[in-house]
C-alpha cells in the first residue's frame, strides 16, 4: 500500500512541476520604467508570487534574438507562458507592456496563477 501511495505522490508531483508557467520579464539598464520597477522585486509578497513561476529576467540588449522571437517591441514587457504538452516549447497566454505600480504588479501576478 505504501508503494502505491508513493507512486501516486510522485506522479502528482511530476505533473505539477511540469505544468508550472513561465514568467519572462524583458528589461534593460537604459529603460527608465524598468529602473523605477526594480524596488518592486524586493517586495516579499512579489518574491513569493514570482516563486510560483519559472522566472527569467531577460536583458533586452543582450538577448535581442530571444526578444525578437517573443516579438518584444521594447522593455519593460512581461510574458506569462505555459508549457505545451509533449513539447519543449512555451505558449504565451498573457502579455503586459509598460510600467506597473507595485499594486498592479501584485495583481497581475496573482491573477495569472
Protein backbone atom coordinates (compact mmCIF):
# COMPACT_ATOMS: atom_id res chain seq x y z
CA UNK A 1 0.00 0.00 0.00
CA UNK A 2 2.86 2.42 0.80
CA UNK A 3 4.39 1.77 -2.62
CA UNK A 4 1.16 2.69 -4.43
CA UNK A 5 0.76 5.86 -2.36
CA UNK A 6 4.37 6.90 -3.04
CA UNK A 7 3.90 6.23 -6.75
CA UNK A 8 0.77 8.43 -6.86
CA UNK A 9 2.54 11.22 -4.98
CA UNK A 10 5.47 11.06 -7.41
CA UNK A 11 3.14 11.26 -10.41
CA UNK A 12 1.24 14.23 -8.98
CA UNK A 13 4.49 15.98 -8.08
CA UNK A 14 5.91 15.43 -11.56
CA UNK A 15 2.73 16.77 -13.16
CA UNK A 16 2.70 19.91 -11.01
CA UNK A 17 6.37 20.61 -11.77
CA UNK A 18 5.84 20.15 -15.49
CA UNK A 19 2.75 22.35 -15.53
CA UNK A 20 4.46 25.37 -13.95
CA UNK A 21 4.03 28.54 -16.01
CA UNK A 22 6.99 30.67 -17.03
CA UNK A 23 7.24 34.39 -16.32
CA UNK A 24 9.54 36.29 -18.68
CA UNK A 25 10.50 39.84 -17.77
CA UNK A 26 12.24 41.75 -20.57
CA UNK A 27 14.18 44.69 -19.14
CA UNK A 28 17.13 46.96 -19.96
CA UNK A 29 19.56 49.10 -18.00
CA UNK A 30 18.68 52.19 -20.08
CA UNK A 31 14.92 51.70 -19.59
CA UNK A 32 13.55 54.32 -17.17
CA UNK A 33 10.34 52.43 -16.29
CA UNK A 34 12.37 49.24 -15.74
CA UNK A 35 14.61 51.07 -13.27
CA UNK A 36 11.56 52.51 -11.49
CA UNK A 37 10.20 48.98 -11.08
CA UNK A 38 13.43 47.48 -9.65
CA UNK A 39 12.40 48.05 -6.00
CA UNK A 40 9.13 46.15 -6.65
CA UNK A 41 11.13 42.93 -6.99
CA UNK A 42 12.45 43.32 -3.42
CA UNK A 43 8.92 43.24 -2.00
CA UNK A 44 8.39 39.99 -0.06
CA UNK A 45 4.91 39.39 -1.47
CA UNK A 46 6.17 39.88 -5.04
CA UNK A 47 9.06 37.47 -4.37
CA UNK A 48 6.57 34.88 -3.15
CA UNK A 49 4.28 35.36 -6.14
CA UNK A 50 7.20 35.13 -8.58
CA UNK A 51 8.35 31.89 -6.93
CA UNK A 52 5.16 30.27 -8.26
CA UNK A 53 6.59 30.64 -11.78
CA UNK A 54 9.74 29.64 -13.61
CA UNK A 55 11.09 33.20 -13.62
CA UNK A 56 13.53 34.58 -16.19
CA UNK A 57 14.70 38.17 -16.27
CA UNK A 58 15.86 38.81 -19.83
CA UNK A 59 18.17 41.69 -20.74
CA UNK A 60 16.71 43.22 -23.89
CA UNK A 61 20.17 44.31 -25.14
CA UNK A 62 21.98 41.02 -24.54
CA UNK A 63 19.21 38.73 -25.79
CA UNK A 64 17.93 40.58 -28.89
CA UNK A 65 17.25 37.35 -30.81
CA UNK A 66 15.27 35.94 -27.90
CA UNK A 67 13.33 39.21 -27.63
CA UNK A 68 12.68 39.07 -31.36
CA UNK A 69 11.35 35.52 -31.05
CA UNK A 70 8.79 36.76 -28.49
CA UNK A 71 8.01 39.85 -30.64
CA UNK A 72 9.13 42.30 -27.94
CA UNK A 73 8.80 45.90 -29.12
CA UNK A 74 10.65 47.20 -26.06
CA UNK A 75 11.02 46.88 -22.32
CA UNK A 76 9.50 46.57 -19.86
CA UNK A 77 7.48 43.60 -21.08
CA UNK A 78 6.08 40.76 -19.01
CA UNK A 79 5.02 37.49 -20.62
CA UNK A 80 3.41 34.54 -18.91
CA UNK A 81 3.64 31.36 -20.94
CA UNK A 82 2.56 27.78 -20.38
CA UNK A 83 4.39 24.64 -21.45
CA UNK A 84 2.93 22.90 -24.48
CA UNK A 85 2.11 19.32 -23.55
CA UNK A 86 4.51 16.85 -25.13
CA UNK A 87 6.83 19.58 -26.45
CA UNK A 88 9.70 21.67 -25.13
CA UNK A 89 8.06 24.92 -26.15
CA UNK A 90 6.04 27.61 -24.42
CA UNK A 91 2.75 29.17 -25.48
CA UNK A 92 2.16 32.77 -24.48
CA UNK A 93 -1.15 33.47 -22.81
CA UNK A 94 -0.62 36.85 -21.13
CA UNK A 95 1.42 39.92 -22.02
CA UNK A 96 1.82 43.28 -20.31
CA UNK A 97 3.92 46.07 -21.79
CA UNK A 98 4.97 49.10 -19.78
CA UNK A 99 5.44 50.26 -16.22
CA UNK A 100 3.41 48.65 -13.43
CA UNK A 101 2.98 50.05 -9.94
CA UNK A 102 3.72 47.68 -7.07
CA UNK A 103 0.00 47.17 -6.54
CA UNK A 104 -0.58 46.47 -10.25
CA UNK A 105 2.34 44.01 -10.39
CA UNK A 106 0.97 42.06 -7.43
CA UNK A 107 -2.50 41.97 -9.01
CA UNK A 108 -1.04 40.82 -12.35
CA UNK A 109 0.94 38.01 -10.73
CA UNK A 110 -1.99 36.86 -8.59
CA UNK A 111 -4.50 36.93 -11.44
CA UNK A 112 -2.39 34.73 -13.67
CA UNK A 113 -1.75 31.92 -11.19
